[in-house]
Amino acid sequence: MTRTIRTLGLAARHDFLIQVTCPSCRHEACFLAGDLASIYGEGRSIASLRFKCSQCHGPDGRALPFRQESSRKREMVVWRPVKVKAQG
């Protein structure tokens, strides 16, 4: 039986990464699902995540979950999201 990974909590429990691709310039970024779940909440839908491209500042990127296979390791950068408190 297979299950569709739709929420950040489910992706985090299965140790998935979230890959975001810019529709304009095809720039890619990867995040740990657990990191995103700690900021946005475990019930948040992966499809509802919004990201702005750091290269072209284009529109919302498309976020997709994927599992890093240990037999096919490739070098990649995994970004860590943080919350920043505003001064004032």
Protein backbone atom coordinates (compact mmCIF):
# COMPACT_ATOMS: atom_id res chain seq x y z
CA MET A 1 0.00 0.00 0.00
CA THR A 2 1.36 3.42 -0.94
CA ARG A 3 0.44 6.76 0.50
CA THR A 4 0.58 10.16 -1.10
CA ILE A 5 2.73 12.61 0.86
CA ARG A 6 0.59 15.76 1.07
CA THR A 7 1.53 17.41 4.38
CA LEU A 8 4.81 18.53 5.88
CA GLY A 9 4.23 16.35 8.95
CA LEU A 10 3.86 13.18 6.90
CA ALA A 11 6.92 14.09 4.82
CA ALA A 12 8.92 14.74 8.00
CA ARG A 13 7.94 11.39 9.55
CA HIS A 14 9.26 9.62 6.45
CA ASP A 15 12.48 11.72 6.30
CA PHE A 16 11.68 13.40 3.01
CA LEU A 17 13.27 16.49 1.52
CA ILE A 18 11.23 19.23 -0.14
CA GLN A 19 12.59 20.40 -3.48
CA VAL A 20 11.47 23.80 -4.75
CA THR A 21 11.92 24.70 -8.42
CA CYS A 22 11.50 28.19 -9.87
CA PRO A 23 9.20 28.13 -12.92
CA SER A 24 11.09 31.01 -14.57
CA CYS A 25 14.79 30.18 -14.29
CA ARG A 26 14.66 26.52 -13.07
CA HIS A 27 16.77 27.32 -9.99
CA GLU A 28 16.35 24.57 -7.38
CA ALA A 29 16.59 24.54 -3.59
CA CYS A 30 16.12 21.68 -1.10
CA PHE A 31 14.83 21.82 2.47
CA LEU A 32 14.38 19.18 5.15
CA ALA A 33 10.66 18.52 5.59
CA GLY A 34 11.12 18.50 9.37
CA ASP A 35 12.59 22.02 9.31
CA LEU A 36 9.68 23.35 7.28
CA ALA A 37 7.17 21.52 9.51
CA SER A 38 8.64 23.17 12.61
CA ILE A 39 8.06 26.62 11.10
CA TYR A 40 4.82 26.18 9.13
CA GLY A 41 3.19 23.37 11.14
CA GLU A 42 2.84 19.65 10.47
CA GLY A 43 -0.64 19.99 8.98
CA ARG A 44 0.45 22.43 6.29
CA SER A 45 -0.02 21.19 2.74
CA ILE A 46 3.16 20.98 0.66
CA ALA A 47 1.30 22.40 -2.34
CA SER A 48 0.38 25.55 -0.34
CA LEU A 49 4.01 26.51 0.37
CA ARG A 50 5.16 29.72 -1.31
CA PHE A 51 8.78 30.52 -2.10
CA LYS A 52 10.39 33.45 -3.90
CA CYS A 53 13.37 32.67 -6.12
CA SER A 54 16.67 34.02 -4.81
CA GLN A 55 18.13 34.18 -8.33
CA CYS A 56 15.48 35.88 -10.48
CA HIS A 57 12.96 36.93 -7.79
CA GLY A 58 10.35 35.17 -9.90
CA PRO A 59 6.90 33.95 -8.90
CA ASP A 60 6.09 31.11 -6.55
CA GLY A 61 8.19 28.00 -6.98
CA ARG A 62 6.71 24.53 -7.09
CA ALA A 63 7.44 22.42 -4.00
CA LEU A 64 7.64 18.63 -4.29
CA PRO A 65 8.60 16.01 -1.70
CA PHE A 66 11.28 13.45 -2.51
CA ARG A 67 13.35 10.86 -0.69
CA GLN A 68 17.13 10.91 -0.93
CA GLU A 69 18.15 7.37 -1.83
CA SER A 70 21.25 6.24 0.06
CA SER A 71 22.46 4.17 -2.90
CA ARG A 72 22.36 7.20 -5.22
CA LYS A 73 23.89 9.93 -3.09
CA ARG A 74 24.64 13.11 -4.92
CA GLU A 75 26.11 16.23 -3.48
CA MET A 76 23.49 18.85 -2.67
CA VAL A 77 22.95 21.90 -0.53
CA VAL A 78 20.10 21.69 1.96
CA TRP A 79 18.83 25.08 3.14
CA ARG A 80 17.66 25.69 6.72
CA PRO A 81 14.72 28.11 7.12
CA VAL A 82 14.66 30.47 10.11
CA LYS A 83 12.21 32.91 11.63
CA VAL A 84 13.53 36.43 12.15
CA LYS A 85 11.96 38.75 14.70
CA ALA A 86 11.41 42.31 13.56
CA GLN A 87 13.02 45.05 15.61
CA GLY A 88 10.81 47.58 17.21
